[in-house]
Amino acid sequence: MLVVETYLAPDAYGGTGLFSRNPIKKGTVIWQHDDRCDQFFTIGEYHALHPAFRKVVSHYGYRARVDGIDGIMLSQDNDRYMNHSDSPNIMCHYATSGSHSGTDSRYYVCIAGTDIPEGTEITMDYRGLDLPGISSDTYREVATCTDFLLGS
Protein backbone atom coordinates (compact mmCIF):
# COMPACT_ATOMS: atom_id res chain seq x y z
CA MET A 1 0.00 0.00 0.00
CA LEU A 2 1.32 3.41 -0.89
CA VAL A 3 1.93 5.49 2.23
CA VAL A 4 2.81 8.75 0.46
CA GLU A 5 0.57 10.98 -1.66
CA THR A 6 0.85 10.31 -5.38
CA TYR A 7 -1.00 10.87 -8.63
CA LEU A 8 -1.10 9.26 -12.08
CA ALA A 9 0.11 11.08 -15.18
CA PRO A 10 1.57 10.32 -18.61
CA ASP A 11 5.15 9.03 -18.38
CA ALA A 12 8.05 9.71 -20.75
CA TYR A 13 7.34 6.53 -22.72
CA GLY A 14 3.70 7.13 -23.67
CA GLY A 15 2.19 5.15 -20.81
CA THR A 16 0.98 5.99 -17.34
CA GLY A 17 3.29 6.53 -14.40
CA LEU A 18 3.09 7.13 -10.66
CA PHE A 19 4.27 10.58 -9.55
CA SER A 20 5.00 12.18 -6.17
CA ARG A 21 2.44 14.77 -5.09
CA ASN A 22 4.86 16.22 -2.52
CA PRO A 23 8.63 16.15 -2.02
CA ILE A 24 9.77 12.84 -0.47
CA LYS A 25 12.94 12.68 1.61
CA LYS A 26 15.50 9.92 1.12
CA GLY A 27 14.75 7.03 3.51
CA THR A 28 10.99 7.70 3.66
CA VAL A 29 8.80 4.59 3.45
CA ILE A 30 6.92 4.74 0.13
CA TRP A 31 5.13 1.38 0.18
CA GLN A 32 4.48 -1.38 2.68
CA HIS A 33 2.21 -4.40 2.58
CA ASP A 34 -1.28 -4.03 4.03
CA ASP A 35 -3.75 -6.94 3.80
CA ARG A 36 -6.60 -4.43 3.45
CA CYS A 37 -5.12 -3.15 0.18
CA ASP A 38 -2.87 -5.91 -1.17
CA GLN A 39 -4.63 -9.14 -2.11
CA PHE A 40 -2.74 -12.44 -2.41
CA PHE A 41 -3.89 -15.23 -4.75
CA THR A 42 -2.45 -18.72 -4.76
CA ILE A 43 -2.10 -20.29 -8.21
CA GLY A 44 -5.28 -22.30 -7.57
CA GLU A 45 -7.20 -19.21 -6.51
CA TYR A 46 -5.93 -17.39 -9.59
CA HIS A 47 -7.30 -20.15 -11.87
CA ALA A 48 -10.68 -20.00 -10.10
CA LEU A 49 -11.13 -16.27 -10.80
CA HIS A 50 -13.58 -15.08 -13.41
CA PRO A 51 -11.62 -14.78 -16.70
CA ALA A 52 -12.16 -11.00 -16.89
CA PHE A 53 -10.71 -10.45 -13.40
CA ARG A 54 -7.96 -13.01 -14.00
CA LYS A 55 -6.82 -10.79 -16.89
CA VAL A 56 -6.60 -7.80 -14.51
CA VAL A 57 -4.62 -9.83 -11.97
CA SER A 58 -2.32 -11.10 -14.71
CA HIS A 59 -1.63 -7.58 -15.97
CA TYR A 60 -1.27 -5.71 -12.67
CA GLY A 61 -0.21 -8.45 -10.25
CA TYR A 62 3.30 -9.41 -9.29
CA ARG A 63 4.93 -12.56 -8.00
CA ALA A 64 4.72 -12.95 -4.27
CA ARG A 65 5.26 -15.49 -1.53
CA VAL A 66 3.12 -15.71 1.61
CA ASP A 67 3.68 -18.36 4.28
CA GLY A 68 5.98 -20.20 1.86
CA ILE A 69 3.32 -20.37 -0.89
CA ASP A 70 4.10 -18.76 -4.25
CA GLY A 71 1.35 -16.81 -5.93
CA ILE A 72 0.35 -13.40 -7.21
CA MET A 73 -0.20 -10.19 -5.25
CA LEU A 74 -2.60 -7.55 -6.55
CA SER A 75 -2.44 -4.05 -5.14
CA GLN A 76 -5.72 -2.17 -4.98
CA ASP A 77 -4.12 1.29 -5.09
CA ASN A 78 -2.08 3.16 -7.68
CA ASP A 79 1.23 1.46 -6.91
CA ARG A 80 0.39 -0.88 -9.77
CA TYR A 81 1.33 2.00 -12.08
CA MET A 82 4.88 2.18 -10.71
CA ASN A 83 7.18 1.65 -13.68
CA HIS A 84 10.51 -0.15 -13.93
CA SER A 85 13.80 1.71 -14.13
CA ASP A 86 17.36 0.44 -14.22
CA SER A 87 18.08 3.59 -12.14
CA PRO A 88 15.09 3.66 -9.77
CA ASN A 89 14.49 6.29 -7.11
CA ILE A 90 13.09 3.81 -4.60
CA MET A 91 14.62 0.67 -3.14
CA CYS A 92 12.62 -2.35 -2.04
CA HIS A 93 13.67 -5.13 0.29
CA TYR A 94 12.38 -7.64 2.77
CA ALA A 95 12.28 -6.29 6.31
CA THR A 96 14.16 -8.68 8.55
CA SER A 97 12.70 -8.41 12.01
CA GLY A 98 10.67 -10.83 14.06
CA SER A 99 10.39 -14.51 13.26
CA HIS A 100 9.56 -14.43 9.55
CA SER A 101 11.89 -15.94 6.97
CA GLY A 102 12.77 -12.72 5.16
CA THR A 103 11.10 -13.86 1.92
CA ASP A 104 7.44 -13.33 2.82
CA SER A 105 5.88 -10.59 0.69
CA ARG A 106 3.93 -9.30 3.67
CA TYR A 107 7.24 -7.99 5.01
CA TYR A 108 8.34 -6.27 1.81
CA VAL A 109 8.95 -2.53 2.11
CA CYS A 110 9.96 0.19 -0.37
CA ILE A 111 11.79 3.35 0.65
CA ALA A 112 12.99 6.44 -1.17
CA GLY A 113 16.58 5.81 -2.27
CA THR A 114 17.07 9.51 -3.03
CA ASP A 115 15.25 12.73 -2.34
CA ILE A 116 12.28 12.71 -4.74
CA PRO A 117 11.06 16.17 -5.78
CA GLU A 118 7.36 16.91 -6.13
CA GLY A 119 6.09 15.87 -9.56
CA THR A 120 8.79 13.24 -10.12
CA GLU A 121 7.89 9.80 -11.41
CA ILE A 122 8.41 7.13 -8.74
CA THR A 123 10.16 4.09 -10.21
CA MET A 124 11.51 0.79 -8.96
CA ASP A 125 13.71 -1.99 -10.28
CA TYR A 126 11.28 -4.85 -11.02
CA ARG A 127 14.15 -7.28 -10.57
CA GLY A 128 13.84 -6.49 -6.86
CA LEU A 129 10.62 -8.53 -6.89
CA ASP A 130 12.62 -11.69 -7.49
CA LEU A 131 11.96 -14.53 -5.13
CA PRO A 132 14.57 -17.02 -3.93
CA GLY A 133 15.36 -19.52 -6.66
CA ILE A 134 14.10 -17.26 -9.45
CA SER A 135 16.78 -15.34 -11.32
CA SER A 136 16.21 -11.84 -12.68
CA ASP A 137 17.30 -13.17 -16.11
CA THR A 138 14.37 -15.60 -16.07
CA TYR A 139 12.00 -12.83 -15.02
CA ARG A 140 13.08 -10.59 -17.93
CA GLU A 141 12.35 -13.38 -20.44
CA VAL A 142 8.64 -13.74 -19.64
CA ALA A 143 5.83 -11.39 -20.60
CA THR A 144 4.16 -11.26 -17.16
CA CYS A 145 4.59 -12.69 -13.70
CA THR A 146 1.62 -14.93 -14.43
CA ASP A 147 3.35 -16.41 -17.46
CA PHE A 148 6.25 -17.37 -15.23
CA LEU A 149 4.11 -18.76 -12.42
CA LEU A 150 1.97 -20.82 -14.75
CA GLY A 151 4.80 -21.96 -16.98
CA SER A 152 3.30 -20.27 -20.04
C-alpha atoms as a PDB file:
ATOM      1  CA  MET A   1       0.000   0.000   0.000  1.00  0.00           C
ATOM      2  CA  LEU A   2       1.324   3.408  -0.894  1.00  0.00           C
ATOM      3  CA  VAL A   3       1.927   5.489   2.232  1.00  0.00           C
ATOM      4  CA  VAL A   4       2.806   8.753   0.461  1.00  0.00           C
ATOM      5  CA  GLU A   5       0.575  10.980  -1.657  1.00  0.00           C
ATOM      6  CA  THR A   6       0.847  10.306  -5.378  1.00  0.00           C
ATOM      7  CA  TYR A   7      -0.998  10.865  -8.631  1.00  0.00           C
ATOM      8  CA  LEU A   8      -1.103   9.258 -12.078  1.00  0.00           C
ATOM      9  CA  ALA A   9       0.109  11.085 -15.182  1.00  0.00           C
ATOM     10  CA  PRO A  10       1.568  10.315 -18.613  1.00  0.00           C
ATOM     11  CA  ASP A  11       5.148   9.029 -18.383  1.00  0.00           C
ATOM     12  CA  ALA A  12       8.049   9.715 -20.745  1.00  0.00           C
ATOM     13  CA  TYR A  13       7.337   6.528 -22.725  1.00  0.00           C
ATOM     14  CA  GLY A  14       3.702   7.129 -23.667  1.00  0.00           C
ATOM     15  CA  GLY A  15       2.194   5.146 -20.809  1.00  0.00           C
ATOM     16  CA  THR A  16       0.982   5.993 -17.336  1.00  0.00           C
ATOM     17  CA  GLY A  17       3.290   6.533 -14.397  1.00  0.00           C
ATOM     18  CA  LEU A  18       3.091   7.127 -10.662  1.00  0.00           C
ATOM     19  CA  PHE A  19       4.266  10.584  -9.551  1.00  0.00           C
ATOM     20  CA  SER A  20       4.998  12.182  -6.173  1.00  0.00           C
ATOM     21  CA  ARG A  21       2.438  14.775  -5.091  1.00  0.00           C
ATOM     22  CA  ASN A  22       4.863  16.223  -2.524  1.00  0.00           C
ATOM     23  CA  PRO A  23       8.633  16.153  -2.018  1.00  0.00           C
ATOM     24  CA  ILE A  24       9.768  12.838  -0.475  1.00  0.00           C
ATOM     25  CA  LYS A  25      12.944  12.675   1.612  1.00  0.00           C
ATOM     26  CA  LYS A  26      15.498   9.916   1.122  1.00  0.00           C
ATOM     27  CA  GLY A  27      14.747   7.032   3.506  1.00  0.00           C
ATOM     28  CA  THR A  28      10.989   7.696   3.658  1.00  0.00           C
ATOM     29  CA  VAL A  29       8.802   4.587   3.447  1.00  0.00           C
ATOM     30  CA  ILE A  30       6.922   4.738   0.128  1.00  0.00           C
ATOM     31  CA  TRP A  31       5.132   1.378   0.176  1.00  0.00           C
ATOM     32  CA  GLN A  32       4.482  -1.376   2.679  1.00  0.00           C
ATOM     33  CA  HIS A  33       2.207  -4.397   2.584  1.00  0.00           C
ATOM     34  CA  ASP A  34      -1.278  -4.031   4.032  1.00  0.00           C
ATOM     35  CA  ASP A  35      -3.749  -6.939   3.801  1.00  0.00           C
ATOM     36  CA  ARG A  36      -6.596  -4.433   3.453  1.00  0.00           C
ATOM     37  CA  CYS A  37      -5.120  -3.155   0.176  1.00  0.00           C
ATOM     38  CA  ASP A  38      -2.867  -5.911  -1.166  1.00  0.00           C
ATOM     39  CA  GLN A  39      -4.634  -9.143  -2.106  1.00  0.00           C
ATOM     40  CA  PHE A  40      -2.745 -12.443  -2.415  1.00  0.00           C
ATOM     41  CA  PHE A  41      -3.890 -15.230  -4.754  1.00  0.00           C
ATOM     42  CA  THR A  42      -2.451 -18.722  -4.760  1.00  0.00           C
ATOM     43  CA  ILE A  43      -2.103 -20.288  -8.210  1.00  0.00           C
ATOM     44  CA  GLY A  44      -5.277 -22.304  -7.572  1.00  0.00           C
ATOM     45  CA  GLU A  45      -7.197 -19.211  -6.512  1.00  0.00           C
ATOM     46  CA  TYR A  46      -5.930 -17.393  -9.590  1.00  0.00           C
ATOM     47  CA  HIS A  47      -7.295 -20.149 -11.867  1.00  0.00           C
ATOM     48  CA  ALA A  48     -10.676 -20.002 -10.099  1.00  0.00           C
ATOM     49  CA  LEU A  49     -11.127 -16.271 -10.802  1.00  0.00           C
ATOM     50  CA  HIS A  50     -13.583 -15.076 -13.412  1.00  0.00           C
ATOM     51  CA  PRO A  51     -11.616 -14.778 -16.703  1.00  0.00           C
ATOM     52  CA  ALA A  52     -12.159 -11.001 -16.887  1.00  0.00           C
ATOM     53  CA  PHE A  53     -10.711 -10.450 -13.403  1.00  0.00           C
ATOM     54  CA  ARG A  54      -7.964 -13.008 -13.995  1.00  0.00           C
ATOM     55  CA  LYS A  55      -6.823 -10.793 -16.887  1.00  0.00           C
ATOM     56  CA  VAL A  56      -6.596  -7.804 -14.511  1.00  0.00           C
ATOM     57  CA  VAL A  57      -4.623  -9.831 -11.967  1.00  0.00           C
ATOM     58  CA  SER A  58      -2.320 -11.101 -14.710  1.00  0.00           C
ATOM     59  CA  HIS A  59      -1.628  -7.584 -15.971  1.00  0.00           C
ATOM     60  CA  TYR A  60      -1.269  -5.711 -12.666  1.00  0.00           C
ATOM     61  CA  GLY A  61      -0.212  -8.448 -10.252  1.00  0.00           C
ATOM     62  CA  TYR A  62       3.302  -9.406  -9.286  1.00  0.00           C
ATOM     63  CA  ARG A  63       4.927 -12.564  -8.001  1.00  0.00           C
ATOM     64  CA  ALA A  64       4.720 -12.946  -4.273  1.00  0.00           C
ATOM     65  CA  ARG A  65       5.255 -15.486  -1.533  1.00  0.00           C
ATOM     66  CA  VAL A  66       3.121 -15.708   1.606  1.00  0.00           C
ATOM     67  CA  ASP A  67       3.680 -18.361   4.279  1.00  0.00           C
ATOM     68  CA  GLY A  68       5.984 -20.197   1.856  1.00  0.00           C
ATOM     69  CA  ILE A  69       3.324 -20.366  -0.889  1.00  0.00           C
ATOM     70  CA  ASP A  70       4.095 -18.764  -4.250  1.00  0.00           C
ATOM     71  CA  GLY A  71       1.347 -16.812  -5.928  1.00  0.00           C
ATOM     72  CA  ILE A  72       0.349 -13.401  -7.211  1.00  0.00           C
ATOM     73  CA  MET A  73      -0.203 -10.191  -5.245  1.00  0.00           C
ATOM     74  CA  LEU A  74      -2.601  -7.548  -6.545  1.00  0.00           C
ATOM     75  CA  SER A  75      -2.437  -4.054  -5.136  1.00  0.00           C
ATOM     76  CA  GLN A  76      -5.719  -2.169  -4.982  1.00  0.00           C
ATOM     77  CA  ASP A  77      -4.120   1.285  -5.094  1.00  0.00           C
ATOM     78  CA  ASN A  78      -2.080   3.157  -7.681  1.00  0.00           C
ATOM     79  CA  ASP A  79       1.235   1.464  -6.907  1.00  0.00           C
ATOM     80  CA  ARG A  80       0.394  -0.885  -9.767  1.00  0.00           C
ATOM     81  CA  TYR A  81       1.329   2.004 -12.077  1.00  0.00           C
ATOM     82  CA  MET A  82       4.880   2.181 -10.710  1.00  0.00           C
ATOM     83  CA  ASN A  83       7.179   1.653 -13.681  1.00  0.00           C
ATOM     84  CA  HIS A  84      10.510  -0.146 -13.927  1.00  0.00           C
ATOM     85  CA  SER A  85      13.796   1.710 -14.130  1.00  0.00           C
ATOM     86  CA  ASP A  86      17.360   0.440 -14.218  1.00  0.00           C
ATOM     87  CA  SER A  87      18.078   3.594 -12.144  1.00  0.00           C
ATOM     88  CA  PRO A  88      15.091   3.659  -9.770  1.00  0.00           C
ATOM     89  CA  ASN A  89      14.488   6.294  -7.114  1.00  0.00           C
ATOM     90  CA  ILE A  90      13.094   3.814  -4.602  1.00  0.00           C
ATOM     91  CA  MET A  91      14.622   0.668  -3.144  1.00  0.00           C
ATOM     92  CA  CYS A  92      12.625  -2.348  -2.039  1.00  0.00           C
ATOM     93  CA  HIS A  93      13.671  -5.130   0.290  1.00  0.00           C
ATOM     94  CA  TYR A  94      12.375  -7.643   2.775  1.00  0.00           C
ATOM     95  CA  ALA A  95      12.282  -6.288   6.307  1.00  0.00           C
ATOM     96  CA  THR A  96      14.164  -8.681   8.550  1.00  0.00           C
ATOM     97  CA  SER A  97      12.695  -8.407  12.008  1.00  0.00           C
ATOM     98  CA  GLY A  98      10.674 -10.831  14.060  1.00  0.00           C
ATOM     99  CA  SER A  99      10.391 -14.514  13.265  1.00  0.00           C
ATOM    100  CA  HIS A 100       9.563 -14.429   9.546  1.00  0.00           C
ATOM    101  CA  SER A 101      11.889 -15.944   6.965  1.00  0.00           C
ATOM    102  CA  GLY A 102      12.772 -12.716   5.165  1.00  0.00           C
ATOM    103  CA  THR A 103      11.104 -13.856   1.919  1.00  0.00           C
ATOM    104  CA  ASP A 104       7.440 -13.327   2.820  1.00  0.00           C
ATOM    105  CA  SER A 105       5.875 -10.586   0.689  1.00  0.00           C
ATOM    106  CA  ARG A 106       3.931  -9.299   3.671  1.00  0.00           C
ATOM    107  CA  TYR A 107       7.243  -7.994   5.010  1.00  0.00           C
ATOM    108  CA  TYR A 108       8.344  -6.272   1.810  1.00  0.00           C
ATOM    109  CA  VAL A 109       8.953  -2.528   2.110  1.00  0.00           C
ATOM    110  CA  CYS A 110       9.961   0.185  -0.366  1.00  0.00           C
ATOM    111  CA  ILE A 111      11.788   3.351   0.650  1.00  0.00           C
ATOM    112  CA  ALA A 112      12.995   6.437  -1.175  1.00  0.00           C
ATOM    113  CA  GLY A 113      16.575   5.814  -2.273  1.00  0.00           C
ATOM    114  CA  THR A 114      17.067   9.512  -3.033  1.00  0.00           C
ATOM    115  CA  ASP A 115      15.246  12.734  -2.337  1.00  0.00           C
ATOM    116  CA  ILE A 116      12.279  12.710  -4.742  1.00  0.00           C
ATOM    117  CA  PRO A 117      11.063  16.167  -5.778  1.00  0.00           C
ATOM    118  CA  GLU A 118       7.358  16.912  -6.133  1.00  0.00           C
ATOM    119  CA  GLY A 119       6.085  15.871  -9.558  1.00  0.00           C
ATOM    120  CA  THR A 120       8.787  13.240 -10.121  1.00  0.00           C
ATOM    121  CA  GLU A 121       7.890   9.800 -11.411  1.00  0.00           C
ATOM    122  CA  ILE A 122       8.406   7.130  -8.744  1.00  0.00           C
ATOM    123  CA  THR A 123      10.159   4.087 -10.214  1.00  0.00           C
ATOM    124  CA  MET A 124      11.505   0.785  -8.962  1.00  0.00           C
ATOM    125  CA  ASP A 125      13.706  -1.992 -10.285  1.00  0.00           C
ATOM    126  CA  TYR A 126      11.284  -4.846 -11.017  1.00  0.00           C
ATOM    127  CA  ARG A 127      14.150  -7.284 -10.567  1.00  0.00           C
ATOM    128  CA  GLY A 128      13.837  -6.493  -6.856  1.00  0.00           C
ATOM    129  CA  LEU A 129      10.624  -8.526  -6.889  1.00  0.00           C
ATOM    130  CA  ASP A 130      12.625 -11.692  -7.493  1.00  0.00           C
ATOM    131  CA  LEU A 131      11.955 -14.526  -5.135  1.00  0.00           C
ATOM    132  CA  PRO A 132      14.568 -17.016  -3.932  1.00  0.00           C
ATOM    133  CA  GLY A 133      15.360 -19.524  -6.663  1.00  0.00           C
ATOM    134  CA  ILE A 134      14.097 -17.261  -9.452  1.00  0.00           C
ATOM    135  CA  SER A 135      16.784 -15.341 -11.316  1.00  0.00           C
ATOM    136  CA  SER A 136      16.214 -11.843 -12.680  1.00  0.00           C
ATOM    137  CA  ASP A 137      17.295 -13.169 -16.107  1.00  0.00           C
ATOM    138  CA  THR A 138      14.375 -15.598 -16.069  1.00  0.00           C
ATOM    139  CA  TYR A 139      12.000 -12.832 -15.024  1.00  0.00           C
ATOM    140  CA  ARG A 140      13.080 -10.593 -17.929  1.00  0.00           C
ATOM    141  CA  GLU A 141      12.353 -13.379 -20.440  1.00  0.00           C
ATOM    142  CA  VAL A 142       8.637 -13.736 -19.638  1.00  0.00           C
ATOM    143  CA  ALA A 143       5.830 -11.385 -20.595  1.00  0.00           C
ATOM    144  CA  THR A 144       4.159 -11.256 -17.157  1.00  0.00           C
ATOM    145  CA  CYS A 145       4.591 -12.691 -13.702  1.00  0.00           C
ATOM    146  CA  THR A 146       1.621 -14.925 -14.433  1.00  0.00           C
ATOM    147  CA  ASP A 147       3.354 -16.411 -17.465  1.00  0.00           C
ATOM    148  CA  PHE A 148       6.254 -17.373 -15.226  1.00  0.00           C
ATOM    149  CA  LEU A 149       4.114 -18.761 -12.416  1.00  0.00           C
ATOM    150  CA  LEU A 150       1.965 -20.816 -14.754  1.00  0.00           C
ATOM    151  CA  GLY A 151       4.798 -21.962 -16.976  1.00  0.00           C
ATOM    152  CA  SER A 152       3.296 -20.269 -20.043  1.00  0.00           C
END
